[in-house]
């Protein structure tokens, strides 16, 4: 593969990954009941509004689940996967693109959750002071994952091991959920 193809893949991965992550956050914020008036939430809603708003006329939310934003995130990941394979000289069919896009979208969700939990764990040791809008938002996004595990774990003298358990579960999900879906998509590509 040429250096230009590698550079193109890098740019596609970064730009489309960040764009898809924005829409994944648009789905996650209402599910976590994040503060709508947080400046970061306002940025996410404003940045995605032009795309999500027209789609909401057709794809209504299911409870707090933003179906339009989820569809857009999946489509972005699907196009990203298709472009990456195309730069490698492989043309994917529709079925392979759909399945590989689903695997990529699930992997992106897992990656975002992983990063948020790591950041929250590090911040719990540092205990930053001051008012940063990211701090309560990270807590709101990670608490739905950590709280059920924390309730089931025995008290260990003030140590919260729930982030380690959730991270282990996320890594297992990558191996046991994402990898088989990805392999299925690759088998459809042949």
N, C-alpha and C. Protein backbone atom coordinates (compact mmCIF):
# COMPACT_ATOMS: atom_id res chain seq x y z
N UNK A 1 0.85 -1.17 0.00
CA UNK A 1 0.00 0.00 0.00
C UNK A 1 0.91 1.24 0.00
N UNK A 2 0.53 2.23 -0.80
CA UNK A 2 1.36 3.42 -0.92
C UNK A 2 1.25 4.31 0.32
N UNK A 3 2.19 5.22 0.43
CA UNK A 3 2.18 6.15 1.56
C UNK A 3 0.96 7.08 1.49
N UNK A 4 0.56 7.44 0.28
CA UNK A 4 -0.61 8.31 0.13
C UNK A 4 -1.89 7.59 0.57
N UNK A 5 -1.97 6.29 0.25
CA UNK A 5 -3.14 5.51 0.69
C UNK A 5 -3.16 5.41 2.21
N UNK A 6 -1.98 5.20 2.82
CA UNK A 6 -1.91 5.15 4.28
C UNK A 6 -2.30 6.49 4.90
N UNK A 7 -1.84 7.58 4.30
CA UNK A 7 -2.21 8.91 4.80
C UNK A 7 -3.70 9.15 4.63
N UNK A 8 -4.25 8.69 3.50
CA UNK A 8 -5.70 8.84 3.29
C UNK A 8 -6.50 8.05 4.30
N UNK A 9 -6.05 6.83 4.59
CA UNK A 9 -6.74 6.00 5.59
C UNK A 9 -6.68 6.68 6.96
N UNK A 10 -5.52 7.22 7.30
CA UNK A 10 -5.39 7.92 8.58
C UNK A 10 -6.36 9.10 8.67
N UNK A 11 -6.41 9.91 7.61
CA UNK A 11 -7.33 11.06 7.61
C UNK A 11 -8.78 10.63 7.70
N UNK A 12 -9.14 9.61 6.94
CA UNK A 12 -10.52 9.10 6.97
C UNK A 12 -10.87 8.58 8.36
N UNK A 13 -9.96 7.80 8.95
CA UNK A 13 -10.21 7.24 10.29
C UNK A 13 -10.42 8.35 11.32
N UNK A 14 -9.55 9.36 11.29
CA UNK A 14 -9.63 10.42 12.30
C UNK A 14 -10.86 11.31 12.08
N UNK A 15 -11.02 11.83 10.87
CA UNK A 15 -12.10 12.79 10.62
C UNK A 15 -13.46 12.13 10.75
N UNK A 16 -13.66 11.00 10.11
CA UNK A 16 -14.97 10.36 10.16
C UNK A 16 -15.21 9.72 11.53
N UNK A 17 -14.13 9.29 12.20
CA UNK A 17 -14.28 8.76 13.56
C UNK A 17 -14.76 9.84 14.52
N UNK A 18 -14.19 11.04 14.41
CA UNK A 18 -14.63 12.14 15.27
C UNK A 18 -16.07 12.55 14.97
N UNK A 19 -16.41 12.55 13.70
CA UNK A 19 -17.78 12.90 13.31
C UNK A 19 -18.77 11.86 13.83
N UNK A 20 -18.44 10.60 13.70
CA UNK A 20 -19.32 9.54 14.22
C UNK A 20 -19.41 9.61 15.73
N UNK A 21 -18.30 9.92 16.40
CA UNK A 21 -18.30 10.04 17.86
C UNK A 21 -19.23 11.16 18.32
N UNK A 22 -19.30 12.22 17.54
CA UNK A 22 -20.21 13.33 17.86
C UNK A 22 -21.66 12.85 17.88
N UNK A 23 -22.02 12.03 16.89
CA UNK A 23 -23.40 11.52 16.84
C UNK A 23 -23.65 10.45 17.91
N UNK A 24 -22.61 9.67 18.24
CA UNK A 24 -22.75 8.70 19.33
C UNK A 24 -23.00 9.45 20.64
N UNK A 25 -22.29 10.55 20.84
CA UNK A 25 -22.54 11.37 22.04
C UNK A 25 -23.96 11.95 22.02
N UNK A 26 -24.44 12.31 20.84
CA UNK A 26 -25.82 12.82 20.73
C UNK A 26 -26.82 11.76 21.20
N UNK A 27 -26.50 10.50 20.97
CA UNK A 27 -27.36 9.41 21.45
C UNK A 27 -27.17 9.20 22.95
N UNK A 28 -25.93 9.27 23.42
CA UNK A 28 -25.61 8.95 24.81
C UNK A 28 -26.09 10.01 25.80
N UNK A 29 -26.07 11.27 25.41
CA UNK A 29 -26.40 12.34 26.36
C UNK A 29 -27.81 12.23 26.94
N UNK A 30 -28.84 12.06 26.11
CA UNK A 30 -30.17 11.90 26.72
C UNK A 30 -30.32 10.59 27.49
N UNK A 31 -29.64 9.52 27.04
CA UNK A 31 -29.73 8.25 27.75
C UNK A 31 -29.15 8.37 29.16
N UNK A 32 -28.08 9.17 29.30
CA UNK A 32 -27.44 9.36 30.60
C UNK A 32 -28.08 10.50 31.39
N UNK A 33 -29.10 11.13 30.82
CA UNK A 33 -29.77 12.28 31.43
C UNK A 33 -28.78 13.39 31.76
N UNK A 34 -27.90 13.63 30.80
CA UNK A 34 -26.89 14.67 30.99
C UNK A 34 -27.56 16.04 31.00
N UNK A 35 -26.95 16.96 31.71
CA UNK A 35 -27.47 18.32 31.84
C UNK A 35 -27.46 18.99 30.47
N UNK A 36 -28.64 19.29 29.97
CA UNK A 36 -28.79 19.87 28.64
C UNK A 36 -28.08 21.22 28.54
N UNK A 37 -27.98 21.93 29.64
CA UNK A 37 -27.39 23.27 29.63
C UNK A 37 -25.87 23.26 29.79
N UNK A 38 -25.26 22.11 29.91
CA UNK A 38 -23.81 22.01 29.95
C UNK A 38 -23.28 22.50 28.60
N UNK A 39 -22.24 23.34 28.58
CA UNK A 39 -21.73 23.86 27.30
C UNK A 39 -21.29 22.77 26.32
N UNK A 40 -20.79 21.67 26.82
CA UNK A 40 -20.37 20.59 25.93
C UNK A 40 -21.61 19.95 25.30
N UNK A 41 -22.65 19.75 26.09
CA UNK A 41 -23.91 19.21 25.55
C UNK A 41 -24.49 20.16 24.51
N UNK A 42 -24.44 21.45 24.80
CA UNK A 42 -24.94 22.44 23.85
C UNK A 42 -24.17 22.35 22.53
N UNK A 43 -22.85 22.18 22.61
CA UNK A 43 -22.04 22.04 21.40
C UNK A 43 -22.47 20.81 20.61
N UNK A 44 -22.63 19.68 21.29
CA UNK A 44 -23.01 18.44 20.60
C UNK A 44 -24.37 18.60 19.94
N UNK A 45 -25.33 19.18 20.65
CA UNK A 45 -26.67 19.35 20.08
C UNK A 45 -26.66 20.31 18.90
N UNK A 46 -25.93 21.40 19.00
CA UNK A 46 -25.87 22.37 17.90
C UNK A 46 -25.13 21.80 16.70
N UNK A 47 -24.06 21.07 16.94
CA UNK A 47 -23.27 20.52 15.83
C UNK A 47 -24.02 19.44 15.07
N UNK A 48 -24.92 18.74 15.71
CA UNK A 48 -25.63 17.64 15.07
C UNK A 48 -27.06 18.00 14.67
N UNK A 49 -27.52 19.16 15.08
CA UNK A 49 -28.93 19.53 14.88
C UNK A 49 -29.34 19.55 13.41
N UNK A 50 -28.48 20.11 12.54
CA UNK A 50 -28.84 20.26 11.13
C UNK A 50 -29.09 18.90 10.45
N UNK A 51 -28.43 17.87 10.92
CA UNK A 51 -28.60 16.54 10.32
C UNK A 51 -29.71 15.76 11.03
N UNK A 52 -29.73 15.84 12.36
CA UNK A 52 -30.67 15.02 13.13
C UNK A 52 -32.10 15.56 13.04
N UNK A 53 -32.25 16.86 13.05
CA UNK A 53 -33.60 17.46 13.09
C UNK A 53 -34.49 17.01 11.93
N UNK A 54 -34.04 17.07 10.66
CA UNK A 54 -34.92 16.59 9.59
C UNK A 54 -35.21 15.09 9.68
N UNK A 55 -34.22 14.31 10.11
CA UNK A 55 -34.43 12.87 10.22
C UNK A 55 -35.41 12.52 11.33
N UNK A 56 -35.50 13.38 12.35
CA UNK A 56 -36.43 13.10 13.46
C UNK A 56 -37.89 13.15 13.00
N UNK A 57 -38.15 13.77 11.85
CA UNK A 57 -39.51 13.78 11.31
C UNK A 57 -39.93 12.38 10.88
N UNK A 58 -38.93 11.59 10.45
CA UNK A 58 -39.20 10.23 9.98
C UNK A 58 -38.89 9.21 11.07
N UNK A 59 -37.75 9.37 11.73
CA UNK A 59 -37.31 8.44 12.77
C UNK A 59 -37.50 9.09 14.14
N UNK A 60 -38.62 8.88 14.71
CA UNK A 60 -38.92 9.46 16.02
C UNK A 60 -38.07 8.78 17.10
N UNK A 61 -37.69 9.52 18.13
CA UNK A 61 -36.95 8.89 19.23
C UNK A 61 -37.81 7.84 19.92
N UNK A 62 -37.15 6.82 20.44
CA UNK A 62 -37.82 5.79 21.22
C UNK A 62 -37.45 6.06 22.67
N UNK A 63 -38.36 6.68 23.39
CA UNK A 63 -38.06 7.11 24.75
C UNK A 63 -36.97 8.16 24.69
N UNK A 64 -35.87 7.90 25.38
CA UNK A 64 -34.72 8.83 25.34
C UNK A 64 -33.69 8.42 24.29
N UNK A 65 -33.95 7.34 23.55
CA UNK A 65 -33.01 6.86 22.54
C UNK A 65 -33.23 7.62 21.24
N UNK A 66 -32.22 8.34 20.82
CA UNK A 66 -32.26 9.17 19.61
C UNK A 66 -31.95 8.32 18.39
N UNK A 67 -33.00 7.78 17.75
CA UNK A 67 -32.81 6.86 16.65
C UNK A 67 -32.17 7.52 15.43
N UNK A 68 -32.51 8.77 15.17
CA UNK A 68 -31.94 9.46 14.00
C UNK A 68 -30.43 9.63 14.16
N UNK A 69 -29.98 10.03 15.32
CA UNK A 69 -28.54 10.21 15.56
C UNK A 69 -27.82 8.86 15.51
N UNK A 70 -28.46 7.81 16.01
CA UNK A 70 -27.84 6.48 15.96
C UNK A 70 -27.69 6.02 14.51
N UNK A 71 -28.70 6.27 13.69
CA UNK A 71 -28.62 5.89 12.28
C UNK A 71 -27.50 6.66 11.58
N UNK A 72 -27.39 7.95 11.86
CA UNK A 72 -26.35 8.76 11.23
C UNK A 72 -24.96 8.27 11.65
N UNK A 73 -24.79 7.96 12.92
CA UNK A 73 -23.49 7.45 13.40
C UNK A 73 -23.14 6.15 12.68
N UNK A 74 -24.11 5.25 12.56
CA UNK A 74 -23.88 3.98 11.88
C UNK A 74 -23.52 4.20 10.41
N UNK A 75 -24.24 5.11 9.74
CA UNK A 75 -23.95 5.39 8.33
C UNK A 75 -22.57 6.00 8.14
N UNK A 76 -22.17 6.88 9.06
CA UNK A 76 -20.83 7.48 8.96
C UNK A 76 -19.76 6.40 9.11
N UNK A 77 -19.95 5.52 10.08
CA UNK A 77 -18.97 4.44 10.28
C UNK A 77 -18.97 3.51 9.07
N UNK A 78 -20.14 3.25 8.51
CA UNK A 78 -20.22 2.37 7.35
C UNK A 78 -19.48 2.98 6.16
N UNK A 79 -19.66 4.26 5.91
CA UNK A 79 -18.95 4.93 4.82
C UNK A 79 -17.45 4.95 5.10
N UNK A 80 -17.08 5.18 6.37
CA UNK A 80 -15.66 5.17 6.74
C UNK A 80 -15.03 3.81 6.42
N UNK A 81 -15.69 2.74 6.81
CA UNK A 81 -15.17 1.39 6.55
C UNK A 81 -15.08 1.15 5.05
N UNK A 82 -16.10 1.55 4.33
CA UNK A 82 -16.12 1.35 2.88
C UNK A 82 -14.96 2.09 2.23
N UNK A 83 -14.71 3.34 2.63
CA UNK A 83 -13.61 4.13 2.06
C UNK A 83 -12.25 3.54 2.42
N UNK A 84 -12.09 3.08 3.65
CA UNK A 84 -10.82 2.48 4.06
C UNK A 84 -10.53 1.23 3.23
N UNK A 85 -11.53 0.39 3.05
CA UNK A 85 -11.33 -0.80 2.22
C UNK A 85 -11.07 -0.42 0.77
N UNK A 86 -11.75 0.60 0.28
CA UNK A 86 -11.55 1.05 -1.09
C UNK A 86 -10.11 1.52 -1.31
N UNK A 87 -9.55 2.25 -0.34
CA UNK A 87 -8.16 2.70 -0.45
C UNK A 87 -7.18 1.54 -0.38
N UNK A 88 -7.62 0.41 0.15
CA UNK A 88 -6.78 -0.78 0.18
C UNK A 88 -6.98 -1.64 -1.06
N UNK A 89 -7.85 -1.17 -1.96
CA UNK A 89 -8.08 -1.90 -3.20
C UNK A 89 -9.17 -2.94 -3.12
N UNK A 90 -10.01 -2.87 -2.08
CA UNK A 90 -11.08 -3.85 -1.90
C UNK A 90 -12.42 -3.12 -1.98
N UNK A 91 -13.27 -3.58 -2.88
CA UNK A 91 -14.60 -2.99 -3.00
C UNK A 91 -15.59 -3.87 -2.23
N UNK A 92 -16.29 -3.25 -1.29
CA UNK A 92 -17.25 -3.98 -0.46
C UNK A 92 -18.64 -3.90 -1.06
N UNK A 93 -19.38 -4.98 -0.93
CA UNK A 93 -20.78 -4.96 -1.30
C UNK A 93 -21.61 -4.33 -0.19
N UNK A 94 -22.89 -4.18 -0.45
CA UNK A 94 -23.77 -3.52 0.51
C UNK A 94 -23.88 -4.31 1.81
N UNK A 95 -24.05 -5.63 1.72
CA UNK A 95 -24.19 -6.44 2.94
C UNK A 95 -22.93 -6.38 3.79
N UNK A 96 -21.77 -6.49 3.17
CA UNK A 96 -20.51 -6.42 3.92
C UNK A 96 -20.34 -5.04 4.54
N UNK A 97 -20.70 -3.98 3.80
CA UNK A 97 -20.59 -2.62 4.33
C UNK A 97 -21.50 -2.42 5.53
N UNK A 98 -22.72 -2.93 5.46
CA UNK A 98 -23.67 -2.78 6.57
C UNK A 98 -23.16 -3.49 7.82
N UNK A 99 -22.69 -4.73 7.66
CA UNK A 99 -22.24 -5.51 8.81
C UNK A 99 -20.94 -4.94 9.38
N UNK A 100 -19.99 -4.59 8.52
CA UNK A 100 -18.74 -4.01 9.00
C UNK A 100 -18.99 -2.64 9.64
N UNK A 101 -19.95 -1.89 9.11
CA UNK A 101 -20.32 -0.62 9.72
C UNK A 101 -20.91 -0.81 11.10
N UNK A 102 -21.73 -1.86 11.26
CA UNK A 102 -22.29 -2.17 12.58
C UNK A 102 -21.19 -2.54 13.56
N UNK A 103 -20.24 -3.36 13.12
CA UNK A 103 -19.11 -3.74 13.99
C UNK A 103 -18.30 -2.51 14.36
N UNK A 104 -18.08 -1.63 13.41
CA UNK A 104 -17.33 -0.41 13.68
C UNK A 104 -18.06 0.53 14.62
N UNK A 105 -19.38 0.61 14.48
CA UNK A 105 -20.17 1.48 15.36
C UNK A 105 -20.17 0.96 16.79
N UNK A 106 -20.31 -0.34 16.95
CA UNK A 106 -20.26 -0.93 18.30
C UNK A 106 -18.88 -0.73 18.90
N UNK A 107 -17.84 -0.92 18.09
CA UNK A 107 -16.47 -0.71 18.57
C UNK A 107 -16.26 0.74 18.99
N UNK A 108 -16.82 1.68 18.24
CA UNK A 108 -16.70 3.10 18.59
C UNK A 108 -17.38 3.40 19.92
N UNK A 109 -18.55 2.83 20.14
CA UNK A 109 -19.26 3.02 21.41
C UNK A 109 -18.42 2.47 22.56
N UNK A 110 -17.87 1.28 22.36
CA UNK A 110 -17.03 0.67 23.40
C UNK A 110 -15.79 1.53 23.66
N UNK A 111 -15.17 2.04 22.59
CA UNK A 111 -13.98 2.88 22.75
C UNK A 111 -14.29 4.16 23.51
N UNK A 112 -15.41 4.79 23.19
CA UNK A 112 -15.80 6.03 23.89
C UNK A 112 -16.03 5.74 25.37
N UNK A 113 -16.76 4.65 25.66
CA UNK A 113 -17.01 4.29 27.06
C UNK A 113 -15.70 4.00 27.78
N UNK A 114 -14.80 3.28 27.12
CA UNK A 114 -13.49 2.95 27.70
C UNK A 114 -12.72 4.22 28.06
N UNK A 115 -12.65 5.14 27.12
CA UNK A 115 -11.91 6.39 27.34
C UNK A 115 -12.53 7.20 28.48
N UNK A 116 -13.85 7.30 28.49
CA UNK A 116 -14.53 8.08 29.54
C UNK A 116 -14.28 7.48 30.92
N UNK A 117 -14.30 6.16 31.02
CA UNK A 117 -14.07 5.52 32.32
C UNK A 117 -12.63 5.71 32.76
N UNK A 118 -11.69 5.59 31.84
CA UNK A 118 -10.27 5.82 32.18
C UNK A 118 -10.09 7.26 32.67
N UNK A 119 -10.65 8.22 31.95
CA UNK A 119 -10.53 9.63 32.35
C UNK A 119 -11.16 9.85 33.72
N UNK A 120 -12.32 9.25 33.94
CA UNK A 120 -12.97 9.40 35.25
C UNK A 120 -12.12 8.80 36.36
N UNK A 121 -11.52 7.64 36.12
CA UNK A 121 -10.68 7.01 37.13
C UNK A 121 -9.45 7.87 37.44
N UNK A 122 -8.84 8.41 36.41
CA UNK A 122 -7.67 9.28 36.63
C UNK A 122 -8.08 10.53 37.39
N UNK A 123 -9.21 11.12 37.01
CA UNK A 123 -9.67 12.33 37.70
C UNK A 123 -10.02 12.06 39.15
N UNK A 124 -10.43 10.84 39.48
CA UNK A 124 -10.75 10.53 40.87
C UNK A 124 -9.49 10.54 41.74
N UNK A 125 -8.34 10.27 41.14
CA UNK A 125 -7.08 10.34 41.89
C UNK A 125 -6.57 11.77 42.00
N UNK A 126 -6.78 12.55 40.95
CA UNK A 126 -6.27 13.91 40.91
C UNK A 126 -7.19 14.87 41.67
N UNK A 127 -8.48 14.65 41.59
CA UNK A 127 -9.49 15.49 42.22
C UNK A 127 -9.31 16.96 41.83
N UNK A 128 -9.55 17.27 40.55
CA UNK A 128 -9.35 18.64 40.10
C UNK A 128 -10.37 19.59 40.73
N UNK A 129 -9.93 20.79 40.97
CA UNK A 129 -10.83 21.80 41.53
C UNK A 129 -11.22 22.76 40.42
N UNK A 130 -12.16 23.60 40.71
CA UNK A 130 -12.61 24.56 39.72
C UNK A 130 -13.83 24.03 38.99
N UNK A 131 -14.38 24.88 38.17
CA UNK A 131 -15.59 24.50 37.44
C UNK A 131 -15.23 24.23 35.99
N UNK A 132 -15.20 22.96 35.65
CA UNK A 132 -14.96 22.54 34.29
C UNK A 132 -16.20 21.78 33.84
N UNK A 133 -16.83 22.19 32.74
CA UNK A 133 -18.07 21.52 32.34
C UNK A 133 -17.89 20.06 31.96
N UNK A 134 -16.65 19.64 31.68
CA UNK A 134 -16.42 18.24 31.30
C UNK A 134 -16.54 17.30 32.49
N UNK A 135 -16.19 17.78 33.69
CA UNK A 135 -16.17 16.89 34.86
C UNK A 135 -17.55 16.32 35.19
N UNK A 136 -18.59 17.15 35.35
CA UNK A 136 -19.89 16.53 35.65
C UNK A 136 -20.44 15.72 34.48
N UNK A 137 -20.09 16.12 33.25
CA UNK A 137 -20.57 15.39 32.09
C UNK A 137 -19.96 13.99 32.03
N UNK A 138 -18.66 13.88 32.32
CA UNK A 138 -18.01 12.57 32.35
C UNK A 138 -18.65 11.69 33.42
N UNK A 139 -18.94 12.29 34.57
CA UNK A 139 -19.59 11.53 35.63
C UNK A 139 -20.99 11.07 35.21
N UNK A 140 -21.74 11.95 34.55
CA UNK A 140 -23.09 11.59 34.12
C UNK A 140 -23.07 10.50 33.05
N UNK A 141 -22.08 10.53 32.16
CA UNK A 141 -22.02 9.53 31.10
C UNK A 141 -21.52 8.18 31.58
N UNK A 142 -20.67 8.16 32.61
CA UNK A 142 -20.11 6.89 33.07
C UNK A 142 -20.89 6.26 34.21
N UNK A 143 -21.62 7.04 34.95
CA UNK A 143 -22.33 6.50 36.12
C UNK A 143 -23.32 5.39 35.77
N UNK A 144 -24.08 5.48 34.66
CA UNK A 144 -24.98 4.35 34.33
C UNK A 144 -24.25 3.02 34.11
N UNK A 145 -22.99 3.07 33.73
CA UNK A 145 -22.22 1.84 33.55
C UNK A 145 -21.61 1.37 34.87
N UNK A 146 -21.17 2.32 35.68
CA UNK A 146 -20.45 1.98 36.90
C UNK A 146 -21.36 1.63 38.08
N UNK A 147 -22.49 2.31 38.20
CA UNK A 147 -23.36 2.14 39.37
C UNK A 147 -23.85 0.70 39.56
N UNK A 148 -24.34 0.02 38.52
CA UNK A 148 -24.80 -1.37 38.74
C UNK A 148 -23.68 -2.29 39.22
N UNK A 149 -22.48 -2.09 38.71
CA UNK A 149 -21.35 -2.93 39.13
C UNK A 149 -20.96 -2.58 40.56
N UNK A 150 -20.95 -1.29 40.88
CA UNK A 150 -20.58 -0.84 42.22
C UNK A 150 -21.54 -1.40 43.28
N UNK A 151 -22.82 -1.48 42.94
CA UNK A 151 -23.82 -2.00 43.89
C UNK A 151 -23.59 -3.48 44.19
N UNK A 152 -23.08 -4.23 43.23
CA UNK A 152 -22.89 -5.67 43.40
C UNK A 152 -21.54 -6.05 44.00
N UNK A 153 -20.64 -5.09 44.10
CA UNK A 153 -19.30 -5.39 44.62
C UNK A 153 -19.24 -5.13 46.12
N UNK A 154 -18.48 -5.95 46.82
CA UNK A 154 -18.33 -5.71 48.27
C UNK A 154 -17.48 -4.46 48.52
N UNK A 155 -17.71 -3.81 49.66
CA UNK A 155 -16.92 -2.64 50.02
C UNK A 155 -15.48 -3.07 50.32
N UNK A 156 -14.55 -2.36 49.73
CA UNK A 156 -13.15 -2.72 49.88
C UNK A 156 -12.36 -1.57 50.50
N UNK A 157 -12.83 -1.07 51.60
CA UNK A 157 -12.09 -0.04 52.32
C UNK A 157 -11.95 1.27 51.57
N UNK A 158 -12.95 1.68 50.86
CA UNK A 158 -12.91 2.96 50.18
C UNK A 158 -12.41 2.90 48.75
N UNK A 159 -11.96 1.74 48.29
CA UNK A 159 -11.51 1.61 46.91
C UNK A 159 -12.68 1.20 46.03
N UNK A 160 -12.84 1.94 44.94
CA UNK A 160 -13.90 1.63 43.98
C UNK A 160 -13.27 0.88 42.82
N UNK A 161 -13.53 -0.40 42.76
CA UNK A 161 -12.97 -1.23 41.69
C UNK A 161 -13.93 -1.38 40.51
N UNK A 162 -15.07 -0.72 40.58
CA UNK A 162 -16.04 -0.85 39.49
C UNK A 162 -15.49 -0.39 38.14
N UNK A 163 -14.65 0.67 38.06
CA UNK A 163 -14.09 1.00 36.74
C UNK A 163 -13.28 -0.14 36.13
N UNK A 164 -12.51 -0.85 36.96
CA UNK A 164 -11.72 -1.96 36.44
C UNK A 164 -12.61 -3.08 35.92
N UNK A 165 -13.70 -3.35 36.62
CA UNK A 165 -14.62 -4.41 36.20
C UNK A 165 -15.32 -4.02 34.89
N UNK A 166 -15.77 -2.77 34.81
CA UNK A 166 -16.45 -2.32 33.59
C UNK A 166 -15.48 -2.31 32.41
N UNK A 167 -14.25 -1.89 32.64
CA UNK A 167 -13.26 -1.91 31.56
C UNK A 167 -13.02 -3.34 31.08
N UNK A 168 -12.94 -4.27 32.00
CA UNK A 168 -12.78 -5.68 31.63
C UNK A 168 -13.98 -6.15 30.80
N UNK A 169 -15.19 -5.78 31.22
CA UNK A 169 -16.39 -6.15 30.46
C UNK A 169 -16.39 -5.52 29.07
N UNK A 170 -15.92 -4.28 28.96
CA UNK A 170 -15.85 -3.63 27.64
C UNK A 170 -14.84 -4.34 26.74
N UNK A 171 -13.71 -4.72 27.31
CA UNK A 171 -12.71 -5.45 26.51
C UNK A 171 -13.24 -6.81 26.07
N UNK A 172 -13.97 -7.48 26.97
CA UNK A 172 -14.60 -8.75 26.59
C UNK A 172 -15.63 -8.55 25.50
N UNK A 173 -16.38 -7.46 25.56
CA UNK A 173 -17.37 -7.18 24.52
C UNK A 173 -16.70 -6.97 23.16
N UNK A 174 -15.53 -6.37 23.18
CA UNK A 174 -14.79 -6.19 21.91
C UNK A 174 -14.41 -7.55 21.32
N UNK A 175 -14.03 -8.47 22.18
CA UNK A 175 -13.60 -9.80 21.70
C UNK A 175 -14.80 -10.68 21.35
N UNK A 176 -15.83 -10.66 22.20
CA UNK A 176 -16.94 -11.60 22.04
C UNK A 176 -18.11 -11.07 21.21
N UNK A 177 -18.18 -9.75 21.00
CA UNK A 177 -19.29 -9.19 20.22
C UNK A 177 -18.77 -8.57 18.92
N UNK A 178 -17.84 -7.64 19.03
CA UNK A 178 -17.38 -6.91 17.85
C UNK A 178 -16.61 -7.81 16.89
N UNK A 179 -15.70 -8.61 17.40
CA UNK A 179 -14.87 -9.46 16.53
C UNK A 179 -15.70 -10.43 15.69
N UNK A 180 -16.69 -11.13 16.27
CA UNK A 180 -17.50 -12.02 15.42
C UNK A 180 -18.31 -11.27 14.36
N UNK A 181 -18.82 -10.09 14.70
CA UNK A 181 -19.57 -9.31 13.71
C UNK A 181 -18.62 -8.85 12.60
N UNK A 182 -17.42 -8.42 12.98
CA UNK A 182 -16.43 -8.01 11.99
C UNK A 182 -16.05 -9.17 11.09
N UNK A 183 -15.85 -10.34 11.68
CA UNK A 183 -15.51 -11.53 10.88
C UNK A 183 -16.65 -11.89 9.92
N UNK A 184 -17.89 -11.74 10.38
CA UNK A 184 -19.03 -12.00 9.51
C UNK A 184 -19.02 -11.02 8.32
N UNK A 185 -18.73 -9.75 8.62
CA UNK A 185 -18.66 -8.76 7.53
C UNK A 185 -17.55 -9.07 6.56
N UNK A 186 -16.40 -9.53 7.06
CA UNK A 186 -15.30 -9.89 6.16
C UNK A 186 -15.66 -11.11 5.30
N UNK A 187 -16.41 -12.05 5.90
CA UNK A 187 -16.81 -13.23 5.10
C UNK A 187 -17.80 -12.83 4.01
N UNK A 188 -18.60 -11.80 4.25
CA UNK A 188 -19.53 -11.31 3.23
C UNK A 188 -18.81 -10.54 2.14
N UNK A 189 -17.62 -10.02 2.46
CA UNK A 189 -16.86 -9.24 1.49
C UNK A 189 -16.18 -10.12 0.45
N UNK A 190 -16.05 -11.39 0.71
CA UNK A 190 -15.35 -12.28 -0.22
C UNK A 190 -16.26 -12.78 -1.30
